[in-house]
Amino acid sequence: MRHSHYHRDVKHLDTIDVYRVLQMFDVTDPCAQHAIKKLLCAGQRGVKTEEQDIREAHDTLARRLQMFAEDDAALEGAE
């Protein structure tokens, strides 16, 4: 199967929610989890608009990038 890393066998499941998707794709980073959840359901929960959810996902990913930079700086400072 082409691009098989994008596919998962779900025959044993009746339904799939975002938490099952995160688990099946081994998404363990909390920032990535939050952003993916926001993007998969953007504007569909009746609380926020699609734009608000996408902005919040963007903000979360921007914070994660900051965390990578913080960690890199700490490693460089330890050398």
PDB file of N, CA and C in Angstrom:
ATOM      1  N   MET A   1       0.855  -1.190   0.000  1.00  0.00           N
ATOM      2  CA  MET A   1       0.000   0.000   0.000  1.00  0.00           C
ATOM      3  C   MET A   1       0.892   1.241   0.000  1.00  0.00           C
ATOM      4  N   ARG A   2       0.593   2.135  -0.878  1.00  0.00           N
ATOM      5  CA  ARG A   2       1.366   3.368  -0.965  1.00  0.00           C
ATOM      6  C   ARG A   2       1.054   4.253   0.240  1.00  0.00           C
ATOM      7  N   HIS A   3       2.059   4.822   0.839  1.00  0.00           N
ATOM      8  CA  HIS A   3       1.931   5.687   2.011  1.00  0.00           C
ATOM      9  C   HIS A   3       1.251   4.952   3.164  1.00  0.00           C
ATOM     10  N   SER A   4       1.641   3.733   3.394  1.00  0.00           N
ATOM     11  CA  SER A   4       0.989   2.906   4.416  1.00  0.00           C
ATOM     12  C   SER A   4       1.103   3.498   5.820  1.00  0.00           C
ATOM     13  N   HIS A   5       2.085   4.357   6.042  1.00  0.00           N
ATOM     14  CA  HIS A   5       2.227   4.956   7.374  1.00  0.00           C
ATOM     15  C   HIS A   5       1.074   5.905   7.705  1.00  0.00           C
ATOM     16  N   TYR A   6       0.250   6.250   6.719  1.00  0.00           N
ATOM     17  CA  TYR A   6      -0.912   7.099   6.949  1.00  0.00           C
ATOM     18  C   TYR A   6      -2.179   6.297   7.231  1.00  0.00           C
ATOM     19  N   HIS A   7      -2.093   4.985   7.190  1.00  0.00           N
ATOM     20  CA  HIS A   7      -3.277   4.135   7.323  1.00  0.00           C
ATOM     21  C   HIS A   7      -3.196   3.277   8.579  1.00  0.00           C
ATOM     22  N   ARG A   8      -4.340   3.034   9.187  1.00  0.00           N
ATOM     23  CA  ARG A   8      -4.449   2.154  10.348  1.00  0.00           C
ATOM     24  C   ARG A   8      -5.651   1.242  10.151  1.00  0.00           C
ATOM     25  N   ASP A   9      -5.525   0.013  10.621  1.00  0.00           N
ATOM     26  CA  ASP A   9      -6.629  -0.936  10.556  1.00  0.00           C
ATOM     27  C   ASP A   9      -7.602  -0.619  11.696  1.00  0.00           C
ATOM     28  N   VAL A  10      -8.839  -0.335  11.348  1.00  0.00           N
ATOM     29  CA  VAL A  10      -9.852   0.014  12.353  1.00  0.00           C
ATOM     30  C   VAL A  10     -11.063  -0.923  12.294  1.00  0.00           C
ATOM     31  N   LYS A  11     -10.869  -2.090  11.691  1.00  0.00           N
ATOM     32  CA  LYS A  11     -11.982  -3.035  11.549  1.00  0.00           C
ATOM     33  C   LYS A  11     -12.603  -3.418  12.890  1.00  0.00           C
ATOM     34  N   HIS A  12     -11.818  -3.400  13.943  1.00  0.00           N
ATOM     35  CA  HIS A  12     -12.307  -3.809  15.254  1.00  0.00           C
ATOM     36  C   HIS A  12     -13.090  -2.710  15.975  1.00  0.00           C
ATOM     37  N   LEU A  13     -13.221  -1.546  15.372  1.00  0.00           N
ATOM     38  CA  LEU A  13     -13.891  -0.419  16.011  1.00  0.00           C
ATOM     39  C   LEU A  13     -15.194  -0.072  15.307  1.00  0.00           C
ATOM     40  N   ASP A  14     -16.193   0.329  16.087  1.00  0.00           N
ATOM     41  CA  ASP A  14     -17.457   0.796  15.513  1.00  0.00           C
ATOM     42  C   ASP A  14     -17.358   2.265  15.123  1.00  0.00           C
ATOM     43  N   THR A  15     -16.700   3.045  15.953  1.00  0.00           N
ATOM     44  CA  THR A  15     -16.509   4.465  15.685  1.00  0.00           C
ATOM     45  C   THR A  15     -15.096   4.859  16.101  1.00  0.00           C
ATOM     46  N   ILE A  16     -14.696   6.014  15.628  1.00  0.00           N
ATOM     47  CA  ILE A  16     -13.373   6.538  15.980  1.00  0.00           C
ATOM     48  C   ILE A  16     -13.544   7.986  16.403  1.00  0.00           C
ATOM     49  N   ASP A  17     -12.965   8.341  17.533  1.00  0.00           N
ATOM     50  CA  ASP A  17     -12.960   9.738  17.951  1.00  0.00           C
ATOM     51  C   ASP A  17     -11.529  10.271  17.877  1.00  0.00           C
ATOM     52  N   VAL A  18     -11.392  11.531  18.135  1.00  0.00           N
ATOM     53  CA  VAL A  18     -10.087  12.173  18.007  1.00  0.00           C
ATOM     54  C   VAL A  18      -9.058  11.548  18.952  1.00  0.00           C
ATOM     55  N   TYR A  19      -9.491  11.096  20.110  1.00  0.00           N
ATOM     56  CA  TYR A  19      -8.552  10.513  21.065  1.00  0.00           C
ATOM     57  C   TYR A  19      -8.020   9.172  20.554  1.00  0.00           C
ATOM     58  N   ARG A  20      -8.864   8.403  19.861  1.00  0.00           N
ATOM     59  CA  ARG A  20      -8.419   7.146  19.259  1.00  0.00           C
ATOM     60  C   ARG A  20      -7.435   7.436  18.128  1.00  0.00           C
ATOM     61  N   VAL A  21      -7.698   8.456  17.338  1.00  0.00           N
ATOM     62  CA  VAL A  21      -6.776   8.824  16.256  1.00  0.00           C
ATOM     63  C   VAL A  21      -5.413   9.189  16.845  1.00  0.00           C
ATOM     64  N   LEU A  22      -5.410   9.997  17.883  1.00  0.00           N
ATOM     65  CA  LEU A  22      -4.145  10.380  18.516  1.00  0.00           C
ATOM     66  C   LEU A  22      -3.392   9.157  19.023  1.00  0.00           C
ATOM     67  N   GLN A  23      -4.125   8.239  19.629  1.00  0.00           N
ATOM     68  CA  GLN A  23      -3.504   7.022  20.136  1.00  0.00           C
ATOM     69  C   GLN A  23      -2.965   6.159  19.001  1.00  0.00           C
ATOM     70  N   MET A  24      -3.759   5.978  17.962  1.00  0.00           N
ATOM     71  CA  MET A  24      -3.359   5.105  16.860  1.00  0.00           C
ATOM     72  C   MET A  24      -2.141   5.639  16.108  1.00  0.00           C
ATOM     73  N   PHE A  25      -1.975   6.949  16.100  1.00  0.00           N
ATOM     74  CA  PHE A  25      -0.830   7.550  15.422  1.00  0.00           C
ATOM     75  C   PHE A  25       0.284   7.921  16.403  1.00  0.00           C
ATOM     76  N   ASP A  26       0.139   7.465  17.651  1.00  0.00           N
ATOM     77  CA  ASP A  26       1.154   7.650  18.694  1.00  0.00           C
ATOM     78  C   ASP A  26       1.557   9.118  18.858  1.00  0.00           C
ATOM     79  N   VAL A  27       0.562   9.980  18.895  1.00  0.00           N
ATOM     80  CA  VAL A  27       0.809  11.397  19.138  1.00  0.00           C
ATOM     81  C   VAL A  27       0.834  11.590  20.654  1.00  0.00           C
ATOM     82  N   THR A  28       2.011  11.834  21.197  1.00  0.00           N
ATOM     83  CA  THR A  28       2.156  11.921  22.646  1.00  0.00           C
ATOM     84  C   THR A  28       2.419  13.337  23.151  1.00  0.00           C
ATOM     85  N   ASP A  29       2.844  14.217  22.268  1.00  0.00           N
ATOM     86  CA  ASP A  29       3.113  15.595  22.681  1.00  0.00           C
ATOM     87  C   ASP A  29       1.802  16.316  22.972  1.00  0.00           C
ATOM     88  N   PRO A  30       1.641  16.889  24.165  1.00  0.00           N
ATOM     89  CA  PRO A  30       0.373  17.533  24.506  1.00  0.00           C
ATOM     90  C   PRO A  30       0.023  18.730  23.619  1.00  0.00           C
ATOM     91  N   CYS A  31       1.014  19.460  23.157  1.00  0.00           N
ATOM     92  CA  CYS A  31       0.736  20.585  22.260  1.00  0.00           C
ATOM     93  C   CYS A  31       0.220  20.082  20.919  1.00  0.00           C
ATOM     94  N   ALA A  32       0.851  19.052  20.393  1.00  0.00           N
ATOM     95  CA  ALA A  32       0.388  18.476  19.123  1.00  0.00           C
ATOM     96  C   ALA A  32      -1.012  17.898  19.293  1.00  0.00           C
ATOM     97  N   GLN A  33      -1.255  17.213  20.398  1.00  0.00           N
ATOM     98  CA  GLN A  33      -2.589  16.656  20.652  1.00  0.00           C
ATOM     99  C   GLN A  33      -3.649  17.751  20.638  1.00  0.00           C
ATOM    100  N   HIS A  34      -3.379  18.828  21.337  1.00  0.00           N
ATOM    101  CA  HIS A  34      -4.333  19.923  21.437  1.00  0.00           C
ATOM    102  C   HIS A  34      -4.589  20.548  20.066  1.00  0.00           C
ATOM    103  N   ALA A  35      -3.535  20.803  19.319  1.00  0.00           N
ATOM    104  CA  ALA A  35      -3.673  21.421  18.001  1.00  0.00           C
ATOM    105  C   ALA A  35      -4.425  20.505  17.033  1.00  0.00           C
ATOM    106  N   ILE A  36      -4.099  19.228  17.032  1.00  0.00           N
ATOM    107  CA  ILE A  36      -4.779  18.276  16.151  1.00  0.00           C
ATOM    108  C   ILE A  36      -6.260  18.211  16.476  1.00  0.00           C
ATOM    109  N   LYS A  37      -6.580  18.160  17.755  1.00  0.00           N
ATOM    110  CA  LYS A  37      -7.995  18.123  18.170  1.00  0.00           C
ATOM    111  C   LYS A  37      -8.718  19.365  17.679  1.00  0.00           C
ATOM    112  N   LYS A  38      -8.102  20.527  17.852  1.00  0.00           N
ATOM    113  CA  LYS A  38      -8.703  21.785  17.392  1.00  0.00           C
ATOM    114  C   LYS A  38      -8.922  21.772  15.882  1.00  0.00           C
ATOM    115  N   LEU A  39      -7.927  21.289  15.133  1.00  0.00           N
ATOM    116  CA  LEU A  39      -8.016  21.300  13.676  1.00  0.00           C
ATOM    117  C   LEU A  39      -9.027  20.282  13.148  1.00  0.00           C
ATOM    118  N   LEU A  40      -9.082  19.119  13.757  1.00  0.00           N
ATOM    119  CA  LEU A  40     -10.026  18.102  13.301  1.00  0.00           C
ATOM    120  C   LEU A  40     -11.480  18.528  13.516  1.00  0.00           C
ATOM    121  N   CYS A  41     -11.718  19.330  14.547  1.00  0.00           N
ATOM    122  CA  CYS A  41     -13.089  19.722  14.898  1.00  0.00           C
ATOM    123  C   CYS A  41     -13.306  21.225  14.788  1.00  0.00           C
ATOM    124  N   ALA A  42     -12.481  21.898  14.008  1.00  0.00           N
ATOM    125  CA  ALA A  42     -12.536  23.363  13.925  1.00  0.00           C
ATOM    126  C   ALA A  42     -13.931  23.870  13.555  1.00  0.00           C
ATOM    127  N   GLY A  43     -14.487  24.666  14.453  1.00  0.00           N
ATOM    128  CA  GLY A  43     -15.784  25.287  14.227  1.00  0.00           C
ATOM    129  C   GLY A  43     -16.980  24.367  14.347  1.00  0.00           C
ATOM    130  N   GLN A  44     -16.772  23.124  14.731  1.00  0.00           N
ATOM    131  CA  GLN A  44     -17.850  22.141  14.747  1.00  0.00           C
ATOM    132  C   GLN A  44     -18.458  21.895  16.128  1.00  0.00           C
ATOM    133  N   ARG A  45     -17.873  22.453  17.156  1.00  0.00           N
ATOM    134  CA  ARG A  45     -18.345  22.149  18.508  1.00  0.00           C
ATOM    135  C   ARG A  45     -19.425  23.103  18.987  1.00  0.00           C
ATOM    136  N   GLY A  46     -19.693  24.138  18.207  1.00  0.00           N
ATOM    137  CA  GLY A  46     -20.737  25.081  18.581  1.00  0.00           C
ATOM    138  C   GLY A  46     -20.321  26.095  19.618  1.00  0.00           C
ATOM    139  N   VAL A  47     -19.065  26.116  19.982  1.00  0.00           N
ATOM    140  CA  VAL A  47     -18.564  27.040  20.996  1.00  0.00           C
ATOM    141  C   VAL A  47     -17.751  28.157  20.352  1.00  0.00           C
ATOM    142  N   LYS A  48     -16.859  27.768  19.458  1.00  0.00           N
ATOM    143  CA  LYS A  48     -15.975  28.734  18.798  1.00  0.00           C
ATOM    144  C   LYS A  48     -16.113  28.594  17.293  1.00  0.00           C
ATOM    145  N   THR A  49     -15.746  29.653  16.609  1.00  0.00           N
ATOM    146  CA  THR A  49     -15.779  29.606  15.146  1.00  0.00           C
ATOM    147  C   THR A  49     -14.587  28.785  14.637  1.00  0.00           C
ATOM    148  N   GLU A  50     -14.658  28.422  13.368  1.00  0.00           N
ATOM    149  CA  GLU A  50     -13.556  27.709  12.744  1.00  0.00           C
ATOM    150  C   GLU A  50     -12.276  28.543  12.837  1.00  0.00           C
ATOM    151  N   GLU A  51     -12.400  29.828  12.579  1.00  0.00           N
ATOM    152  CA  GLU A  51     -11.229  30.705  12.646  1.00  0.00           C
ATOM    153  C   GLU A  51     -10.633  30.728  14.048  1.00  0.00           C
ATOM    154  N   GLN A  52     -11.469  30.810  15.074  1.00  0.00           N
ATOM    155  CA  GLN A  52     -10.961  30.825  16.453  1.00  0.00           C
ATOM    156  C   GLN A  52     -10.210  29.535  16.774  1.00  0.00           C
ATOM    157  N   ASP A  53     -10.794  28.407  16.381  1.00  0.00           N
ATOM    158  CA  ASP A  53     -10.133  27.130  16.645  1.00  0.00           C
ATOM    159  C   ASP A  53      -8.805  27.033  15.904  1.00  0.00           C
ATOM    160  N   ILE A  54      -8.757  27.483  14.665  1.00  0.00           N
ATOM    161  CA  ILE A  54      -7.512  27.434  13.897  1.00  0.00           C
ATOM    162  C   ILE A  54      -6.471  28.370  14.506  1.00  0.00           C
ATOM    163  N   ARG A  55      -6.892  29.549  14.950  1.00  0.00           N
ATOM    164  CA  ARG A  55      -5.954  30.469  15.620  1.00  0.00           C
ATOM    165  C   ARG A  55      -5.397  29.841  16.901  1.00  0.00           C
ATOM    166  N   GLU A  56      -6.264  29.174  17.661  1.00  0.00           N
ATOM    167  CA  GLU A  56      -5.801  28.539  18.895  1.00  0.00           C
ATOM    168  C   GLU A  56      -4.841  27.385  18.596  1.00  0.00           C
ATOM    169  N   ALA A  57      -5.100  26.619  17.540  1.00  0.00           N
ATOM    170  CA  ALA A  57      -4.183  25.552  17.145  1.00  0.00           C
ATOM    171  C   ALA A  57      -2.834  26.157  16.743  1.00  0.00           C
ATOM    172  N   HIS A  58      -2.880  27.240  16.004  1.00  0.00           N
ATOM    173  CA  HIS A  58      -1.661  27.941  15.594  1.00  0.00           C
ATOM    174  C   HIS A  58      -0.886  28.424  16.821  1.00  0.00           C
ATOM    175  N   ASP A  59      -1.583  29.029  17.770  1.00  0.00           N
ATOM    176  CA  ASP A  59      -0.932  29.521  18.990  1.00  0.00           C
ATOM    177  C   ASP A  59      -0.272  28.377  19.763  1.00  0.00           C
ATOM    178  N   THR A  60      -0.966  27.249  19.834  1.00  0.00           N
ATOM    179  CA  THR A  60      -0.426  26.089  20.535  1.00  0.00           C
ATOM    180  C   THR A  60       0.840  25.584  19.843  1.00  0.00           C
ATOM    181  N   LEU A  61       0.810  25.506  18.515  1.00  0.00           N
ATOM    182  CA  LEU A  61       1.986  25.048  17.785  1.00  0.00           C
ATOM    183  C   LEU A  61       3.134  26.052  17.877  1.00  0.00           C
ATOM    184  N   ALA A  62       2.805  27.339  17.906  1.00  0.00           N
ATOM    185  CA  ALA A  62       3.842  28.364  18.083  1.00  0.00           C
ATOM    186  C   ALA A  62       4.501  28.198  19.452  1.00  0.00           C
ATOM    187  N   ARG A  63       3.711  27.901  20.455  1.00  0.00           N
ATOM    188  CA  ARG A  63       4.269  27.685  21.793  1.00  0.00           C
ATOM    189  C   ARG A  63       5.174  26.463  21.800  1.00  0.00           C
ATOM    190  N   ARG A  64       4.773  25.415  21.092  1.00  0.00           N
ATOM    191  CA  ARG A  64       5.601  24.205  21.041  1.00  0.00           C
ATOM    192  C   ARG A  64       6.940  24.503  20.376  1.00  0.00           C
ATOM    193  N   LEU A  65       6.920  25.322  19.329  1.00  0.00           N
ATOM    194  CA  LEU A  65       8.169  25.715  18.690  1.00  0.00           C
ATOM    195  C   LEU A  65       9.059  26.504  19.646  1.00  0.00           C
ATOM    196  N   GLN A  66       8.438  27.351  20.465  1.00  0.00           N
ATOM    197  CA  GLN A  66       9.196  28.079  21.491  1.00  0.00           C
ATOM    198  C   GLN A  66       9.832  27.099  22.480  1.00  0.00           C
ATOM    199  N   MET A  67       9.080  26.085  22.841  1.00  0.00           N
ATOM    200  CA  MET A  67       9.600  25.090  23.782  1.00  0.00           C
ATOM    201  C   MET A  67      10.802  24.351  23.191  1.00  0.00           C
ATOM    202  N   PHE A  68      10.737  24.019  21.884  1.00  0.00           N
ATOM    203  CA  PHE A  68      11.900  23.411  21.231  1.00  0.00           C
ATOM    204  C   PHE A  68      13.107  24.339  21.339  1.00  0.00           C
ATOM    205  N   ALA A  69      12.895  25.624  21.070  1.00  0.00           N
ATOM    206  CA  ALA A  69      13.988  26.601  21.133  1.00  0.00           C
ATOM    207  C   ALA A  69      14.531  26.712  22.553  1.00  0.00           C
ATOM    208  N   GLU A  70      13.644  26.717  23.539  1.00  0.00           N
ATOM    209  CA  GLU A  70      14.078  26.768  24.942  1.00  0.00           C
ATOM    210  C   GLU A  70      14.935  25.552  25.284  1.00  0.00           C
ATOM    211  N   ASP A  71      14.483  24.387  24.845  1.00  0.00           N
ATOM    212  CA  ASP A  71      15.236  23.148  25.119  1.00  0.00           C
ATOM    213  C   ASP A  71      16.592  23.160  24.425  1.00  0.00           C
ATOM    214  N   ASP A  72      16.617  23.628  23.179  1.00  0.00           N
ATOM    215  CA  ASP A  72      17.898  23.723  22.456  1.00  0.00           C
ATOM    216  C   ASP A  72      18.860  24.674  23.151  1.00  0.00           C
ATOM    217  N   ALA A  73      18.331  25.813  23.608  1.00  0.00           N
ATOM    218  CA  ALA A  73      19.173  26.790  24.300  1.00  0.00           C
ATOM    219  C   ALA A  73      19.721  26.212  25.601  1.00  0.00           C
ATOM    220  N   ALA A  74      18.903  25.451  26.295  1.00  0.00           N
ATOM    221  CA  ALA A  74      19.356  24.836  27.545  1.00  0.00           C
ATOM    222  C   ALA A  74      20.455  23.813  27.280  1.00  0.00           C
ATOM    223  N   LEU A  75      20.324  23.055  26.201  1.00  0.00           N
ATOM    224  CA  LEU A  75      21.361  22.082  25.847  1.00  0.00           C
ATOM    225  C   LEU A  75      22.661  22.762  25.470  1.00  0.00           C
ATOM    226  N   GLU A  76      22.558  23.856  24.717  1.00  0.00           N
ATOM    227  CA  GLU A  76      23.747  24.592  24.320  1.00  0.00           C
ATOM    228  C   GLU A  76      24.428  25.222  25.527  1.00  0.00           C
ATOM    229  N   GLY A  77      23.639  25.677  26.482  1.00  0.00           N
ATOM    230  CA  GLY A  77      24.196  26.274  27.686  1.00  0.00           C
ATOM    231  C   GLY A  77      24.862  25.252  28.597  1.00  0.00           C
ATOM    232  N   ALA A  78      24.461  24.002  28.485  1.00  0.00           N
ATOM    233  CA  ALA A  78      25.024  22.952  29.326  1.00  0.00           C
ATOM    234  C   ALA A  78      26.356  22.445  28.783  1.00  0.00           C
ATOM    235  N   GLU A  79      26.674  22.807  27.566  1.00  0.00           N
ATOM    236  CA  GLU A  79      27.929  22.324  26.962  1.00  0.00           C
ATOM    237  C   GLU A  79      29.109  23.137  27.389  1.00  0.00           C
TER     238      GLU A  79
END
